[in-house]
Each structure stands twice: as C-alpha cells, then as structure tokens.
C-alpha cells in the first residue's frame, strides 16, 4: 500500500467479485468463518467466493460471521487491520445485502 493515510479514509464494502478491483486498497469484507489455520482464516464471502484472510496477531474470532477491515493483497487474499464479530445468526440475506 503506497499511502498509509488510506487506513483512516472511508472504504468500500466488498464481496469476492469486487476483490480484484480493490487490490492495494482498504476495504470491508463481511464473511462467514470456515476455518482457521495458524494466522490464516478461510472465509465465505456473500457471493459464495472462498477467500483467505491473513489475521492480525492476538485477535479473537468468537462468532460465525465477521466483518474484516483490511487491505486487499490479491483477488482472493485480504490482510486484516481490524474486525468486528457479527454473531452467529447474522444470516445469509443480511450477508448478501451488505455487498450490493
């Protein structure tokens, strides 16, 4: 990322299809947790795209649905800067609506 002030600016909310358009940019991604291995989480985006999130050190992921804020590394990888746990009953209709 070439502009460190970008992290304080508003950002786009994306699903899997919009990742490639935002490489190098800060985004928000609401997703369903599928599994964690070390500091990497596999997630399912609202459009059913399977993505990888490089996790922040020491964070806790206590719910099934999570919103990540971070920088897009590639069309399938996001590096987390922060997250919000969205609970276990957020549900698919709300999940899809957030990335329209």
C-alpha atoms as a PDB file:
ATOM      1  CA  UNK A   1       0.000   0.000   0.000  1.00  0.00           C
ATOM      2  CA  UNK A   2       1.576   3.254  -1.086  1.00  0.00           C
ATOM      3  CA  UNK A   3      -0.477   5.712   1.027  1.00  0.00           C
ATOM      4  CA  UNK A   4      -0.545   4.951   4.783  1.00  0.00           C
ATOM      5  CA  UNK A   5      -3.230   7.634   5.354  1.00  0.00           C
ATOM      6  CA  UNK A   6      -5.594   5.426   3.348  1.00  0.00           C
ATOM      7  CA  UNK A   7      -6.320   3.434   6.521  1.00  0.00           C
ATOM      8  CA  UNK A   8      -8.118   6.440   8.035  1.00  0.00           C
ATOM      9  CA  UNK A   9     -10.298   7.087   4.961  1.00  0.00           C
ATOM     10  CA  UNK A  10     -13.738   5.558   4.229  1.00  0.00           C
ATOM     11  CA  UNK A  11     -13.564   2.260   2.371  1.00  0.00           C
ATOM     12  CA  UNK A  12     -15.595   0.089   0.030  1.00  0.00           C
ATOM     13  CA  UNK A  13     -17.536  -2.918   1.248  1.00  0.00           C
ATOM     14  CA  UNK A  14     -16.674  -5.865  -0.999  1.00  0.00           C
ATOM     15  CA  UNK A  15     -17.556  -9.460  -1.762  1.00  0.00           C
ATOM     16  CA  UNK A  16     -15.381 -11.913  -3.671  1.00  0.00           C
ATOM     17  CA  UNK A  17     -16.184 -10.430  -7.081  1.00  0.00           C
ATOM     18  CA  UNK A  18     -15.009  -6.954  -6.054  1.00  0.00           C
ATOM     19  CA  UNK A  19     -11.698  -8.027  -4.507  1.00  0.00           C
ATOM     20  CA  UNK A  20      -9.731  -7.821  -7.781  1.00  0.00           C
ATOM     21  CA  UNK A  21     -10.932  -4.244  -8.343  1.00  0.00           C
ATOM     22  CA  UNK A  22      -9.556  -3.220  -4.954  1.00  0.00           C
ATOM     23  CA  UNK A  23      -6.058  -4.747  -4.812  1.00  0.00           C
ATOM     24  CA  UNK A  24      -3.883  -2.483  -2.664  1.00  0.00           C
ATOM     25  CA  UNK A  25      -6.882  -0.668  -1.162  1.00  0.00           C
ATOM     26  CA  UNK A  26      -8.548  -0.743   2.240  1.00  0.00           C
ATOM     27  CA  UNK A  27     -11.943  -2.495   2.210  1.00  0.00           C
ATOM     28  CA  UNK A  28     -14.554  -4.021   4.497  1.00  0.00           C
ATOM     29  CA  UNK A  29     -15.499  -7.655   3.990  1.00  0.00           C
ATOM     30  CA  UNK A  30     -18.416  -9.325   5.774  1.00  0.00           C
ATOM     31  CA  UNK A  31     -17.953 -13.061   5.632  1.00  0.00           C
ATOM     32  CA  UNK A  32     -18.705 -16.406   7.213  1.00  0.00           C
ATOM     33  CA  UNK A  33     -15.843 -18.109   9.018  1.00  0.00           C
ATOM     34  CA  UNK A  34     -14.985 -21.522   7.574  1.00  0.00           C
ATOM     35  CA  UNK A  35     -11.749 -22.412   9.342  1.00  0.00           C
ATOM     36  CA  UNK A  36      -8.559 -21.129  10.921  1.00  0.00           C
ATOM     37  CA  UNK A  37      -5.039 -22.458  10.461  1.00  0.00           C
ATOM     38  CA  UNK A  38      -2.404 -20.500  12.355  1.00  0.00           C
ATOM     39  CA  UNK A  39      -2.829 -16.849  11.407  1.00  0.00           C
ATOM     40  CA  UNK A  40      -4.889 -17.580   8.281  1.00  0.00           C
ATOM     41  CA  UNK A  41      -8.674 -17.876   8.080  1.00  0.00           C
ATOM     42  CA  UNK A  42     -10.670 -19.320   5.202  1.00  0.00           C
ATOM     43  CA  UNK A  43     -13.942 -17.429   4.770  1.00  0.00           C
ATOM     44  CA  UNK A  44     -17.007 -17.475   2.559  1.00  0.00           C
ATOM     45  CA  UNK A  45     -17.974 -14.072   1.128  1.00  0.00           C
ATOM     46  CA  UNK A  46     -21.570 -13.011   0.467  1.00  0.00           C
ATOM     47  CA  UNK A  47     -21.305 -14.163  -3.169  1.00  0.00           C
ATOM     48  CA  UNK A  48     -20.025 -17.587  -2.018  1.00  0.00           C
ATOM     49  CA  UNK A  49     -16.436 -16.823  -3.042  1.00  0.00           C
ATOM     50  CA  UNK A  50     -13.921 -18.649  -0.861  1.00  0.00           C
ATOM     51  CA  UNK A  51     -11.270 -16.176   0.328  1.00  0.00           C
ATOM     52  CA  UNK A  52      -8.251 -16.108   2.641  1.00  0.00           C
ATOM     53  CA  UNK A  53      -7.740 -13.566   5.427  1.00  0.00           C
ATOM     54  CA  UNK A  54      -4.288 -13.032   6.919  1.00  0.00           C
ATOM     55  CA  UNK A  55      -5.196 -12.439  10.554  1.00  0.00           C
ATOM     56  CA  UNK A  56      -3.946  -9.777  12.939  1.00  0.00           C
ATOM     57  CA  UNK A  57      -1.851 -11.096  15.792  1.00  0.00           C
ATOM     58  CA  UNK A  58      -3.627 -11.730  19.095  1.00  0.00           C
ATOM     59  CA  UNK A  59      -7.182 -11.169  17.861  1.00  0.00           C
ATOM     60  CA  UNK A  60     -10.167 -13.299  18.899  1.00  0.00           C
ATOM     61  CA  UNK A  61     -12.726 -14.605  16.417  1.00  0.00           C
ATOM     62  CA  UNK A  62     -15.669 -15.718  18.510  1.00  0.00           C
ATOM     63  CA  UNK A  63     -18.528 -15.746  16.014  1.00  0.00           C
ATOM     64  CA  UNK A  64     -19.504 -17.344  12.730  1.00  0.00           C
ATOM     65  CA  UNK A  65     -19.970 -14.024  10.877  1.00  0.00           C
ATOM     66  CA  UNK A  66     -17.209 -11.414  10.919  1.00  0.00           C
ATOM     67  CA  UNK A  67     -16.585  -8.065   9.272  1.00  0.00           C
ATOM     68  CA  UNK A  68     -12.919  -7.523   8.438  1.00  0.00           C
ATOM     69  CA  UNK A  69     -11.340  -4.191   7.621  1.00  0.00           C
ATOM     70  CA  UNK A  70      -8.056  -4.571   5.837  1.00  0.00           C
ATOM     71  CA  UNK A  71      -6.061  -4.265   2.645  1.00  0.00           C
ATOM     72  CA  UNK A  72      -6.665  -6.462  -0.393  1.00  0.00           C
ATOM     73  CA  UNK A  73      -3.457  -8.301  -1.325  1.00  0.00           C
ATOM     74  CA  UNK A  74      -4.866 -10.167  -4.335  1.00  0.00           C
ATOM     75  CA  UNK A  75      -8.226 -11.195  -5.769  1.00  0.00           C
ATOM     76  CA  UNK A  76      -8.568 -13.851  -3.046  1.00  0.00           C
ATOM     77  CA  UNK A  77      -6.476 -12.550  -0.105  1.00  0.00           C
ATOM     78  CA  UNK A  78      -7.118  -9.798   2.466  1.00  0.00           C
ATOM     79  CA  UNK A  79      -4.773  -8.753   5.280  1.00  0.00           C
ATOM     80  CA  UNK A  80      -6.711  -7.780   8.398  1.00  0.00           C
ATOM     81  CA  UNK A  81      -6.208  -4.483  10.201  1.00  0.00           C
ATOM     82  CA  UNK A  82      -9.277  -4.858  12.439  1.00  0.00           C
ATOM     83  CA  UNK A  83     -12.500  -6.841  12.704  1.00  0.00           C
ATOM     84  CA  UNK A  84     -15.944  -6.873  14.286  1.00  0.00           C
ATOM     85  CA  UNK A  85     -17.654 -10.095  15.360  1.00  0.00           C
ATOM     86  CA  UNK A  86     -21.177 -10.109  13.851  1.00  0.00           C
ATOM     87  CA  UNK A  87     -22.606 -13.050  15.786  1.00  0.00           C
ATOM     88  CA  UNK A  88     -23.796 -16.489  14.773  1.00  0.00           C
ATOM     89  CA  UNK A  89     -27.266 -15.603  13.488  1.00  0.00           C
ATOM     90  CA  UNK A  90     -26.408 -12.766  11.102  1.00  0.00           C
ATOM     91  CA  UNK A  91     -27.762 -14.909   8.272  1.00  0.00           C
ATOM     92  CA  UNK A  92     -27.413 -15.143   4.528  1.00  0.00           C
ATOM     93  CA  UNK A  93     -29.975 -12.461   3.491  1.00  0.00           C
ATOM     94  CA  UNK A  94     -28.180  -9.794   5.521  1.00  0.00           C
ATOM     95  CA  UNK A  95     -24.820 -11.123   4.431  1.00  0.00           C
ATOM     96  CA  UNK A  96     -25.687 -10.754   0.716  1.00  0.00           C
ATOM     97  CA  UNK A  97     -27.320  -7.333   1.161  1.00  0.00           C
ATOM     98  CA  UNK A  98     -24.132  -5.818   2.562  1.00  0.00           C
ATOM     99  CA  UNK A  99     -22.165  -6.288  -0.651  1.00  0.00           C
ATOM    100  CA  UNK A 100     -24.614  -4.860  -3.182  1.00  0.00           C
END
